[in-house]
Amino acid sequence: MYSPINQLIIHRLPVTYDNWLDLLNTPASERPFYQIEGPFTHIGQVTARFIGIPHDEVEYYNQLYDYVHSNRLILLSDHSLKNSINHPHLKSIQKIYEFCDEQNFSIKRFVEMLDQEKLLPTLDNFLINRQTREAAINMIDLYARTEKGGLESNEFITVLNDVIGWVFHLLNHHLKKADPEWDMPAFLWYGNYRKSHQYLLYFLIELGCDLVTFTPAGNDVLAITALDRLNAFVHIFPETGNPKPFPMEKSMQTTTVAYLASREIEKILNYEGTFFYKPWQLRDYEPKAITLKTTYDELFLVGREKAMIRPYFEVENRTVKIPALFAKINGVTSSRREYWNRFHGLILQENTFLVKSFPFSPGANNDFRFHYHKSLDNDGLLNPEKMAGARVWKYNHLPSGLQKGLASAIRNLCAMPTLKPQNSESEDDVKVYLFNQAMQIPEFVLKMLQKFDYSQNVPKLIVFNNQLNGSLTRPDAALLLLLNQFGVDLVIYNPAGHSDIEKYIDKSAFVSHWLEDVVFEQELNEPSVIKKVIYQGILKILRRD
């Protein structure tokens, strides 16, 4: 008995970078998955996303030109759709929507009413005509499940009006030619987009059309929640840039091999996870410290290494993990010469500050408890953006990347405080105290942080406490903990082995080293002028200045 063909089944083809264009130019009846099975017609569909720009930008735009002019791809873009939304359908859509909302009708019934009011195109091919209605149902259902407010949102009518207008005024003649047994329309999206554009493309995919998208800015026009189930092939080019106008003709420029090679090398130097980093390449990344547990001897080996050479250094997801030192050296070695040579080797390094009198942090006298709680998110953690927007934020003069890094360090500092509570303080009191101190960072520390190129030389704060130069205070300890979160090397010398940071900081936060001798009131032995000159000369040679 004859069974009429009345349903279209769409299969996503296994697209690759090398085969997508060949598949797209293959007739529907010769593609994988194609078959007529009773009332069902199965077709294979090409869906692919190309994000960013390759090194050879000239060739990229020449290829786009060829895809549209030498292949069967139909160009869609913000520019091509801009003047096609002035149509008389808006009032009709609004009226049907309000009626369906009052009657609590389903999405399927809503689409049926759109069809009755001739707001959906009528096509000669029965399969495509039916699939148009199915695509509209699926598109509206996706909007209801994905967008905030669903179909109650103010934007829904605008999106639906745009899509219907574009289908009627721009795409109708293409859809009239659609034939699932031979050729379905194939579209190429280019450039930036709005939400209405995204739902138009989803409609076309659900209709069974082929679709490839090119978004040079690095965004993804198919990035709607739930679109992942489409399994659309994605290829990410190594660079991004603002979309140029779609080419009206092919460029006569050519790109040399040397130029492409230089761009490739630059890309390697900029790639996250690479061993090489250009100066200030990571300035907008979020620094996150990893405190290294080293032996006394290892401390001086690691201390002179750049951050990117140290173990556990990592750059990933806009975060740079900086292996840093936080150690206390109690006593002195039996070889005083070795002791002072190593000490000098630390304090003479670039971007190092030697603390030889206390307190070195002025401390905060203000109570910023209100501002602390106002800067919290629902998860109980400080929000960096709220902090940076607060009236008490005194760091607006710093580069934006450094401000973000500081705010993140303060958030991490307060999230799990290692500062010991005092006088029956609650954990919340300790967090507020740390927040207060973080709003009063000394100027010498800010200058140190501004010089910190995260992949390069790690700044150092060396504290020499011989009980002759004052006493380390709790605000000092709070500042040390903040610098530790930022990835600064911290080494505290205490020749007498007395408690100082132990009174304020939990012992889990730092490493203690005990040397052979204990010396009381040990005078600070600063490097001689000759030693400074020699050491600075060595540094210049190493930097090839």
Protein backbone atom coordinates (compact mmCIF):
# COMPACT_ATOMS: atom_id res chain seq x y z
CA MET A 1 0.00 0.00 0.00
CA TYR A 2 1.34 3.45 -0.90
CA SER A 3 2.36 5.56 2.08
CA PRO A 4 2.79 9.30 1.44
CA ILE A 5 6.09 10.94 2.36
CA ASN A 6 5.22 13.35 5.12
CA GLN A 7 8.10 13.81 7.53
CA LEU A 8 11.70 15.04 7.23
CA ILE A 9 14.41 13.54 9.47
CA ILE A 10 17.60 15.63 9.69
CA HIS A 11 21.03 14.11 10.45
CA ARG A 12 24.15 16.17 11.23
CA LEU A 13 26.95 15.08 8.91
CA PRO A 14 30.43 14.25 10.31
CA VAL A 15 32.01 17.53 9.21
CA THR A 16 35.76 18.25 9.36
CA TYR A 17 37.90 21.23 8.38
CA ASP A 18 38.92 19.41 5.20
CA ASN A 19 35.58 17.97 4.04
CA TRP A 20 32.90 20.56 4.89
CA LEU A 21 32.96 22.33 1.53
CA ASP A 22 32.91 19.08 -0.46
CA LEU A 23 29.97 17.82 1.62
CA LEU A 24 28.15 21.11 1.13
CA ASN A 25 28.52 20.84 -2.66
CA THR A 26 27.32 17.24 -2.67
CA PRO A 27 23.63 16.82 -3.72
CA ALA A 28 21.32 15.74 -0.91
CA SER A 29 20.60 12.37 -2.51
CA GLU A 30 24.33 11.50 -2.58
CA ARG A 31 25.13 12.46 1.01
CA PRO A 32 25.45 10.05 3.93
CA PHE A 33 22.19 9.26 5.77
CA TYR A 34 20.02 10.01 2.73
CA GLN A 35 17.17 7.54 2.30
CA ILE A 36 13.40 7.40 1.88
CA GLU A 37 11.92 5.04 4.41
CA GLY A 38 8.14 4.78 4.33
CA PRO A 39 6.74 8.18 5.30
CA PHE A 40 10.19 9.44 6.32
CA THR A 41 12.83 11.22 4.24
CA HIS A 42 16.29 11.23 5.84
CA ILE A 43 18.79 13.93 4.80
CA GLY A 44 22.33 14.87 5.84
CA GLN A 45 23.03 18.43 6.95
CA VAL A 46 26.26 20.48 7.04
CA THR A 47 26.68 22.70 10.11
CA ALA A 48 30.06 24.29 10.86
CA ARG A 49 31.44 27.20 12.87
CA PHE A 50 34.68 29.04 12.06
CA ILE A 51 35.72 31.34 14.89
CA GLY A 52 38.47 33.95 14.69
CA ILE A 53 40.87 34.71 11.82
CA PRO A 54 43.82 32.70 10.44
CA HIS A 55 47.30 34.24 10.15
CA ASP A 56 46.73 34.98 6.46
CA GLU A 57 43.88 37.47 6.71
CA VAL A 58 43.99 38.37 3.01
CA GLU A 59 43.42 34.77 1.97
CA TYR A 60 40.66 34.42 4.60
CA TYR A 61 38.58 37.20 3.05
CA ASN A 62 39.32 35.97 -0.48
CA GLN A 63 37.96 32.57 0.53
CA LEU A 64 34.82 34.12 1.98
CA TYR A 65 34.29 35.88 -1.32
CA ASP A 66 34.66 32.57 -3.19
CA TYR A 67 32.32 30.71 -0.84
CA VAL A 68 29.51 33.11 -1.71
CA HIS A 69 30.28 33.84 -5.37
CA SER A 70 31.74 30.53 -6.60
CA ASN A 71 29.82 28.11 -4.41
CA ARG A 72 26.15 27.95 -3.53
CA LEU A 73 26.33 29.67 -0.15
CA ILE A 74 23.81 32.46 0.51
CA LEU A 75 25.28 35.34 2.53
CA LEU A 76 23.58 36.40 5.76
CA SER A 77 24.92 39.16 7.98
CA ASP A 78 23.82 42.04 10.16
CA HIS A 79 24.27 44.30 7.14
CA SER A 80 22.24 42.15 4.74
CA LEU A 81 19.35 41.82 7.21
CA LYS A 82 19.36 45.39 8.49
CA ASN A 83 16.68 46.84 6.22
CA SER A 84 14.32 43.90 6.10
CA ILE A 85 12.33 44.18 9.33
CA ASN A 86 9.81 46.88 8.40
CA HIS A 87 6.75 44.75 7.72
CA PRO A 88 3.09 44.78 8.78
CA HIS A 89 3.21 41.61 10.88
CA LEU A 90 4.02 43.05 14.30
CA LYS A 91 0.45 43.93 15.32
CA SER A 92 -0.83 40.54 14.19
CA ILE A 93 1.87 38.71 16.13
CA GLN A 94 1.16 40.82 19.23
CA LYS A 95 -2.58 40.12 18.99
CA ILE A 96 -2.09 36.35 18.62
CA TYR A 97 0.42 36.28 21.44
CA GLU A 98 -1.92 38.09 23.85
CA PHE A 99 -4.83 35.80 22.94
CA CYS A 100 -2.75 32.63 23.42
CA ASP A 101 -1.36 33.95 26.68
CA GLU A 102 -4.88 34.57 28.04
CA GLN A 103 -6.06 31.13 26.93
CA ASN A 104 -2.84 29.45 28.14
CA PHE A 105 -2.40 27.82 24.73
CA SER A 106 0.61 25.63 23.96
CA ILE A 107 3.49 26.65 21.68
CA LYS A 108 2.16 24.29 19.02
CA ARG A 109 -1.24 25.99 19.10
CA PHE A 110 0.46 29.40 19.00
CA VAL A 111 2.30 28.40 15.80
CA GLU A 112 -0.92 27.04 14.30
CA MET A 113 -2.51 30.44 14.81
CA LEU A 114 0.48 32.16 13.23
CA ASP A 115 -0.02 29.86 10.25
CA GLN A 116 -3.74 30.60 10.05
CA GLU A 117 -2.96 34.33 9.95
CA LYS A 118 -0.50 33.65 7.10
CA LEU A 119 2.48 34.72 9.18
CA LEU A 120 4.42 31.65 8.02
CA PRO A 121 5.33 31.14 4.35
CA THR A 122 3.33 28.68 2.28
CA LEU A 123 5.62 26.47 0.16
CA ASP A 124 4.83 24.10 -2.70
CA ASN A 125 7.01 21.28 -1.38
CA PHE A 126 4.87 19.50 1.22
CA LEU A 127 7.84 18.29 3.28
CA ILE A 128 9.43 21.75 3.48
CA ASN A 129 6.09 23.40 4.19
CA ARG A 130 5.52 21.02 7.12
CA GLN A 131 9.09 21.35 8.34
CA THR A 132 8.76 25.15 8.38
CA ARG A 133 6.05 24.79 11.03
CA GLU A 134 8.14 22.29 13.00
CA ALA A 135 11.13 24.65 12.87
CA ALA A 136 9.01 27.52 14.21
CA ILE A 137 7.78 25.34 17.11
CA ASN A 138 11.33 24.25 17.96
CA MET A 139 12.67 27.80 17.75
CA ILE A 140 9.99 29.22 20.08
CA ASP A 141 10.41 26.27 22.44
CA LEU A 142 14.17 26.94 22.60
CA TYR A 143 13.50 30.58 23.41
CA ALA A 144 11.09 29.62 26.17
CA ARG A 145 13.60 27.23 27.74
CA THR A 146 16.72 29.35 27.28
CA GLU A 147 16.02 33.05 27.69
CA LYS A 148 15.42 34.76 31.02
CA GLY A 149 11.69 35.24 31.44
CA GLY A 150 10.96 32.85 28.57
CA LEU A 151 8.02 33.88 26.41
CA GLU A 152 7.06 36.46 29.05
CA SER A 153 10.18 38.53 28.28
CA ASN A 154 9.73 41.86 26.52
CA GLU A 155 12.21 40.81 23.85
CA PHE A 156 10.35 37.72 22.62
CA ILE A 157 7.88 39.54 20.34
CA THR A 158 10.73 41.57 18.82
CA VAL A 159 12.78 38.43 18.09
CA LEU A 160 9.80 36.59 16.59
CA ASN A 161 8.83 39.63 14.50
CA ASP A 162 12.39 39.92 13.17
CA VAL A 163 12.60 36.24 12.21
CA ILE A 164 9.21 36.20 10.47
CA GLY A 165 10.08 39.39 8.61
CA TRP A 166 13.41 38.05 7.39
CA VAL A 167 11.86 34.73 6.30
CA PHE A 168 9.15 36.52 4.29
CA HIS A 169 11.18 39.33 2.76
CA LEU A 170 14.65 37.84 2.27
CA LEU A 171 14.54 34.08 2.44
CA ASN A 172 11.17 33.10 1.01
CA HIS A 173 12.41 32.75 -2.58
CA HIS A 174 15.30 30.56 -1.38
CA LEU A 175 12.95 28.35 0.62
CA LYS A 176 10.63 27.95 -2.38
CA LYS A 177 13.55 26.24 -4.18
CA ALA A 178 14.22 23.83 -1.31
CA ASP A 179 14.05 20.17 -2.28
CA PRO A 180 15.20 17.56 0.27
CA GLU A 181 15.68 15.02 -2.51
CA TRP A 182 18.09 17.28 -4.36
CA ASP A 183 19.24 20.50 -2.71
CA MET A 184 18.45 22.38 0.46
CA PRO A 185 19.45 26.05 0.74
CA ALA A 186 22.94 26.62 2.16
CA PHE A 187 23.68 29.78 4.15
CA LEU A 188 26.86 31.49 5.28
CA TRP A 189 26.64 33.77 8.33
CA TYR A 190 29.37 36.40 8.59
CA GLY A 191 30.30 38.83 11.36
CA ASN A 192 28.72 40.06 14.58
CA TYR A 193 25.12 39.39 15.50
CA ARG A 194 22.11 40.12 17.68
CA LYS A 195 19.80 37.70 19.46
CA SER A 196 17.27 37.81 16.61
CA HIS A 197 20.01 36.68 14.21
CA GLN A 198 20.81 33.72 16.46
CA TYR A 199 17.21 32.50 16.45
CA LEU A 200 16.92 32.97 12.69
CA LEU A 201 19.92 30.68 12.22
CA TYR A 202 18.46 28.14 14.63
CA PHE A 203 15.21 28.22 12.60
CA LEU A 204 17.18 27.53 9.39
CA ILE A 205 19.04 24.63 11.01
CA GLU A 206 15.78 23.10 12.24
CA LEU A 207 14.36 23.56 8.75
CA GLY A 208 17.16 21.36 7.37
CA CYS A 209 19.25 24.01 5.62
CA ASP A 210 23.05 23.87 5.54
CA LEU A 211 24.76 26.55 7.63
CA VAL A 212 28.37 27.66 8.09
CA THR A 213 29.26 30.64 10.27
CA PHE A 214 32.33 32.88 10.23
CA THR A 215 32.84 35.21 13.22
CA PRO A 216 36.24 36.97 13.11
CA ALA A 217 35.81 38.63 16.54
CA GLY A 218 36.12 35.28 18.32
CA ASN A 219 32.44 35.14 19.30
CA ASP A 220 30.06 32.35 18.31
CA VAL A 221 26.69 33.12 16.73
CA LEU A 222 25.46 29.62 17.62
CA ALA A 223 26.36 30.04 21.30
CA ILE A 224 22.86 29.70 22.66
CA THR A 225 22.39 27.33 25.59
CA ALA A 226 21.10 23.99 24.27
CA LEU A 227 22.62 24.50 20.83
CA ASP A 228 25.45 22.17 21.83
CA ARG A 229 23.12 19.30 21.03
CA LEU A 230 23.40 20.26 17.35
CA ASN A 231 26.99 18.96 17.35
CA ALA A 232 27.98 21.67 14.87
CA PHE A 233 31.62 21.33 13.87
CA VAL A 234 33.83 24.13 15.22
CA HIS A 235 37.25 25.32 14.06
CA ILE A 236 39.05 28.05 16.00
CA PHE A 237 41.58 30.16 14.12
CA PRO A 238 44.62 31.50 16.01
CA GLU A 239 43.71 35.21 15.92
CA THR A 240 40.71 37.49 16.34
CA GLY A 241 39.79 40.92 15.01
CA ASN A 242 36.88 43.22 14.27
CA PRO A 243 34.96 41.98 11.22
CA LYS A 244 35.72 43.92 8.07
CA PRO A 245 32.95 44.63 5.57
CA PHE A 246 32.22 41.51 3.57
CA PRO A 247 34.46 41.64 0.47
CA MET A 248 32.85 42.93 -2.70
CA GLU A 249 35.77 41.63 -4.77
CA LYS A 250 38.87 39.52 -4.27
CA SER A 251 42.02 41.22 -3.01
CA MET A 252 45.09 41.26 -5.23
CA GLN A 253 47.43 41.32 -2.21
CA THR A 254 49.61 38.31 -1.51
CA THR A 255 51.12 37.23 1.79
CA THR A 256 54.77 36.24 1.91
CA VAL A 257 55.99 33.06 3.57
CA ALA A 258 58.21 35.13 5.87
CA TYR A 259 55.25 37.21 7.06
CA LEU A 260 53.21 34.11 7.81
CA ALA A 261 56.15 32.59 9.67
CA SER A 262 56.56 35.73 11.81
CA ARG A 263 52.85 35.71 12.66
CA GLU A 264 53.06 32.04 13.59
CA ILE A 265 56.03 32.69 15.89
CA GLU A 266 54.18 35.59 17.50
CA LYS A 267 51.21 33.33 18.06
CA ILE A 268 53.42 30.74 19.75
CA LEU A 269 54.89 33.42 22.00
CA ASN A 270 51.39 34.49 22.99
CA TYR A 271 49.90 31.06 23.50
CA GLU A 272 48.75 30.09 26.99
CA GLY A 273 50.93 27.31 28.36
CA THR A 274 53.93 28.17 26.22
CA PHE A 275 57.39 28.44 27.75
CA PHE A 276 57.98 31.89 26.29
CA TYR A 277 56.21 35.11 27.20
CA LYS A 278 56.63 38.56 25.81
CA PRO A 279 57.06 41.49 28.25
CA TRP A 280 53.74 42.31 29.97
CA GLN A 281 51.90 39.68 27.94
CA LEU A 282 50.06 38.54 31.10
CA ARG A 283 49.33 41.99 32.54
CA ASP A 284 45.55 41.50 32.36
CA TYR A 285 45.59 37.99 33.80
CA GLU A 286 44.60 37.17 37.37
CA PRO A 287 47.65 36.26 39.50
CA LYS A 288 47.20 33.32 41.85
CA ALA A 289 50.07 32.31 44.14
CA ILE A 290 51.27 28.79 44.84
CA THR A 291 53.41 28.79 48.00
CA LEU A 292 56.43 26.54 47.48
CA LYS A 293 57.66 24.31 50.30
CA THR A 294 61.43 24.25 49.86
CA THR A 295 64.50 23.33 51.86
CA TYR A 296 66.80 26.09 53.09
CA ASP A 297 69.24 25.48 50.21
CA GLU A 298 66.48 25.28 47.59
CA LEU A 299 65.08 28.62 48.75
CA PHE A 300 68.03 30.52 47.26
CA LEU A 301 68.04 28.50 44.05
CA VAL A 302 64.34 29.11 43.43
CA GLY A 303 64.56 32.72 44.64
CA ARG A 304 66.72 33.81 41.72
CA GLU A 305 64.63 32.09 39.04
CA LYS A 306 62.02 33.90 36.97
CA ALA A 307 58.43 32.89 37.66
CA MET A 308 58.03 31.00 34.37
CA ILE A 309 61.09 28.83 35.16
CA ARG A 310 59.84 27.80 38.59
CA PRO A 311 58.01 24.51 39.19
CA TYR A 312 54.20 24.62 38.96
CA PHE A 313 54.10 27.87 36.98
CA GLU A 314 51.02 27.71 34.78
CA VAL A 315 48.93 29.97 32.57
CA GLU A 316 45.38 28.85 31.93
CA ASN A 317 41.91 30.39 31.56
CA ARG A 318 43.14 33.98 32.03
CA THR A 319 44.83 33.01 35.31
CA VAL A 320 48.58 32.86 35.94
CA LYS A 321 49.72 30.61 38.78
CA ILE A 322 52.89 32.05 40.33
CA PRO A 323 55.11 29.78 42.46
CA ALA A 324 56.21 32.00 45.36
CA LEU A 325 58.28 31.70 48.53
CA PHE A 326 57.03 32.38 52.05
CA ALA A 327 59.71 31.35 54.49
CA LYS A 328 61.14 32.28 57.88
CA ILE A 329 64.82 31.72 58.60
CA ASN A 330 65.54 31.29 62.32
CA GLY A 331 69.12 31.63 63.56
CA VAL A 332 72.28 31.86 61.46
CA THR A 333 74.56 29.27 59.86
CA SER A 334 77.92 28.40 61.38
CA SER A 335 79.49 29.88 58.25
CA ARG A 336 78.68 33.55 58.62
CA ARG A 337 80.16 34.30 55.20
CA GLU A 338 77.78 31.90 53.52
CA TYR A 339 74.86 33.28 55.55
CA TRP A 340 75.49 36.88 54.51
CA ASN A 341 76.35 36.00 50.90
CA ARG A 342 73.00 34.30 50.50
CA PHE A 343 71.23 37.16 52.26
CA HIS A 344 72.89 39.67 49.94
CA GLY A 345 72.00 37.53 46.94
CA LEU A 346 68.33 37.99 47.83
CA ILE A 347 68.23 41.68 48.70
CA LEU A 348 70.27 42.76 45.67
CA GLN A 349 67.82 41.24 43.19
CA GLU A 350 65.65 43.43 41.01
CA ASN A 351 62.40 44.75 42.53
CA THR A 352 63.32 43.76 46.09
CA PHE A 353 62.51 45.74 49.23
CA LEU A 354 64.41 45.21 52.48
CA VAL A 355 62.50 45.84 55.70
CA LYS A 356 64.86 46.71 58.55
CA SER A 357 62.57 48.64 60.89
CA PHE A 358 59.07 48.05 62.23
CA PRO A 359 56.22 48.53 61.71
CA PHE A 360 56.46 48.70 57.90
CA SER A 361 52.69 48.84 57.34
CA PRO A 362 50.90 51.96 58.61
CA GLY A 363 47.80 49.92 59.39
CA ALA A 364 44.18 50.93 58.93
CA ASN A 365 42.32 52.87 61.57
CA ASN A 366 39.01 52.94 59.72
CA ASP A 367 36.30 50.34 60.07
CA PHE A 368 35.18 49.26 56.59
CA ARG A 369 32.81 46.52 57.80
CA PHE A 370 29.89 48.05 55.90
CA HIS A 371 31.90 48.20 52.66
CA TYR A 372 33.14 44.64 53.19
CA HIS A 373 29.63 43.20 53.49
CA LYS A 374 28.38 45.35 50.63
CA SER A 375 31.09 43.85 48.39
CA LEU A 376 30.07 40.24 49.08
CA ASP A 377 28.35 37.99 46.55
CA ASN A 378 25.67 35.44 47.40
CA ASP A 379 28.37 32.79 47.85
CA GLY A 380 29.89 34.77 50.72
CA LEU A 381 33.02 35.73 48.77
CA LEU A 382 34.13 39.22 47.88
CA ASN A 383 33.24 40.36 44.38
CA PRO A 384 36.29 42.05 42.73
CA GLU A 385 34.10 44.39 40.65
CA LYS A 386 32.10 45.52 43.68
CA MET A 387 35.32 46.11 45.61
CA ALA A 388 36.87 48.17 42.83
CA GLY A 389 33.69 50.27 42.64
CA ALA A 390 33.56 51.00 46.37
CA ARG A 391 34.31 54.45 47.76
CA VAL A 392 37.13 53.02 49.92
CA TRP A 393 39.00 51.65 46.88
CA LYS A 394 42.10 53.86 46.63
CA TYR A 395 43.78 52.14 43.71
CA ASN A 396 41.94 53.63 40.71
CA HIS A 397 45.21 55.20 39.51
CA LEU A 398 46.73 51.76 38.94
CA PRO A 399 46.55 49.92 35.58
CA SER A 400 43.25 48.06 35.19
CA GLY A 401 44.94 44.65 35.08
CA LEU A 402 46.75 45.33 38.37
CA GLN A 403 43.51 46.51 39.97
CA LYS A 404 41.85 43.25 38.97
CA GLY A 405 44.80 41.30 40.35
CA LEU A 406 44.71 43.19 43.64
CA ALA A 407 40.97 42.70 44.02
CA SER A 408 41.32 38.96 43.34
CA ALA A 409 44.16 38.69 45.87
CA ILE A 410 42.03 40.44 48.51
CA ARG A 411 39.12 38.11 47.76
CA ASN A 412 41.35 35.05 48.18
CA LEU A 413 42.95 36.54 51.31
CA CYS A 414 39.57 36.90 52.99
CA ALA A 415 38.06 33.66 51.67
CA MET A 416 40.13 31.37 53.93
CA PRO A 417 42.07 33.60 56.33
CA THR A 418 45.30 32.30 57.85
CA LEU A 419 45.57 35.31 60.17
CA LYS A 420 45.01 34.18 63.77
CA PRO A 421 41.98 35.65 65.58
CA GLN A 422 42.64 37.85 68.59
CA ASN A 423 40.52 38.89 71.56
CA SER A 424 37.68 36.46 70.83
CA GLU A 425 37.35 37.58 67.21
CA SER A 426 34.96 35.62 65.02
CA GLU A 427 36.00 34.45 61.56
CA ASP A 428 33.94 37.27 60.07
CA ASP A 429 35.83 39.77 62.29
CA VAL A 430 39.14 38.45 60.95
CA LYS A 431 37.94 38.77 57.36
CA VAL A 432 36.82 42.35 57.96
CA TYR A 433 40.19 43.13 59.58
CA LEU A 434 42.08 41.78 56.55
CA PHE A 435 39.79 43.74 54.24
CA ASN A 436 40.47 46.91 56.25
CA GLN A 437 44.23 46.46 56.03
CA ALA A 438 44.05 45.68 52.30
CA MET A 439 42.49 49.09 51.70
CA GLN A 440 45.65 50.79 53.07
CA ILE A 441 48.51 49.27 51.06
CA PRO A 442 51.75 51.29 51.50
CA GLU A 443 53.08 53.19 48.50
CA PHE A 444 56.35 51.21 48.32
CA VAL A 445 54.33 48.01 47.93
CA LEU A 446 52.16 49.46 45.15
CA LYS A 447 55.30 50.49 43.26
CA MET A 448 56.69 46.97 43.69
CA LEU A 449 53.51 45.43 42.30
CA GLN A 450 53.41 47.83 39.34
CA LYS A 451 56.83 46.54 38.29
CA PHE A 452 55.73 42.89 38.54
CA ASP A 453 55.58 41.21 35.13
CA TYR A 454 53.98 37.91 36.20
CA SER A 455 56.08 35.59 34.06
CA GLN A 456 59.37 37.35 34.82
CA ASN A 457 61.33 38.33 37.96
CA VAL A 458 59.32 37.79 41.13
CA PRO A 459 59.30 40.77 43.53
CA LYS A 460 60.70 40.14 47.00
CA LEU A 461 60.02 41.53 50.44
CA ILE A 462 62.90 40.58 52.75
CA VAL A 463 62.33 41.23 56.45
CA PHE A 464 65.31 41.41 58.84
CA ASN A 465 64.16 41.33 62.47
CA ASN A 466 66.96 41.51 65.05
CA GLN A 467 64.89 42.95 67.93
CA LEU A 468 66.84 46.22 67.63
CA ASN A 469 64.55 47.86 65.10
CA GLY A 470 61.06 47.65 66.58
CA SER A 471 58.47 44.86 66.63
CA LEU A 472 56.51 43.28 63.81
CA THR A 473 52.81 44.15 64.15
CA ARG A 474 49.55 42.54 63.14
CA PRO A 475 49.04 45.00 60.24
CA ASP A 476 52.52 43.96 59.05
CA ALA A 477 51.40 40.32 59.15
CA ALA A 478 48.20 41.15 57.23
CA LEU A 479 50.25 42.87 54.52
CA LEU A 480 52.56 39.85 54.27
CA LEU A 481 49.57 37.57 53.75
CA LEU A 482 48.18 39.83 51.01
CA LEU A 483 51.55 39.86 49.21
CA ASN A 484 51.70 36.10 49.50
CA GLN A 485 48.32 35.86 47.73
CA PHE A 486 49.69 38.07 44.96
CA GLY A 487 52.74 35.86 44.36
CA VAL A 488 55.48 38.01 45.97
CA ASP A 489 58.46 36.18 47.53
CA LEU A 490 58.57 36.72 51.31
CA VAL A 491 61.58 35.82 53.46
CA ILE A 492 61.72 36.74 57.15
CA TYR A 493 65.14 36.65 58.85
CA ASN A 494 65.21 36.32 62.64
CA PRO A 495 68.76 35.56 63.87
CA ALA A 496 67.56 35.06 67.46
CA GLY A 497 64.79 32.66 66.47
CA HIS A 498 62.17 34.67 68.33
CA SER A 499 58.49 34.51 67.48
CA ASP A 500 57.26 37.31 65.25
CA ILE A 501 54.99 36.21 62.37
CA GLU A 502 54.04 33.10 64.39
CA LYS A 503 52.09 35.33 66.78
CA TYR A 504 49.77 36.41 63.97
CA ILE A 505 49.95 33.92 61.10
CA ASP A 506 49.03 30.25 61.14
CA LYS A 507 52.13 28.09 60.73
CA SER A 508 50.57 26.30 57.74
CA ALA A 509 51.00 29.46 55.66
CA PHE A 510 54.81 29.53 55.62
CA VAL A 511 57.90 27.32 55.95
CA SER A 512 60.29 27.63 58.91
CA HIS A 513 64.01 26.87 58.61
CA TRP A 514 66.20 26.51 61.71
CA LEU A 515 69.94 27.10 61.32
CA GLU A 516 72.82 26.00 63.51
CA ASP A 517 73.40 29.06 65.68
CA VAL A 518 71.18 31.51 67.52
CA VAL A 519 72.49 35.08 67.70
CA PHE A 520 70.87 37.83 69.77
CA GLU A 521 70.82 41.43 68.58
CA GLN A 522 72.61 40.53 65.36
CA GLU A 523 73.62 43.68 63.49
CA LEU A 524 72.49 43.90 59.88
CA ASN A 525 75.40 43.33 57.54
CA GLU A 526 74.53 45.23 54.39
CA PRO A 527 76.46 44.59 51.15
CA SER A 528 79.40 46.83 50.39
CA VAL A 529 79.33 49.32 47.53
CA ILE A 530 81.78 47.15 45.57
CA LYS A 531 79.59 44.11 46.07
CA LYS A 532 76.53 46.03 44.88
CA VAL A 533 78.35 47.22 41.74
CA ILE A 534 79.63 43.71 40.96
CA TYR A 535 76.20 42.15 41.54
CA GLN A 536 74.38 44.75 39.47
CA GLY A 537 76.92 44.21 36.68
CA ILE A 538 76.21 40.49 36.71
CA LEU A 539 72.47 41.18 36.51
CA LYS A 540 72.99 43.43 33.49
CA ILE A 541 75.03 40.74 31.74
CA LEU A 542 72.33 38.16 32.45
CA ARG A 543 69.69 40.53 31.06
CA ARG A 544 72.01 41.46 28.16
CA ASP A 545 71.48 45.16 28.81
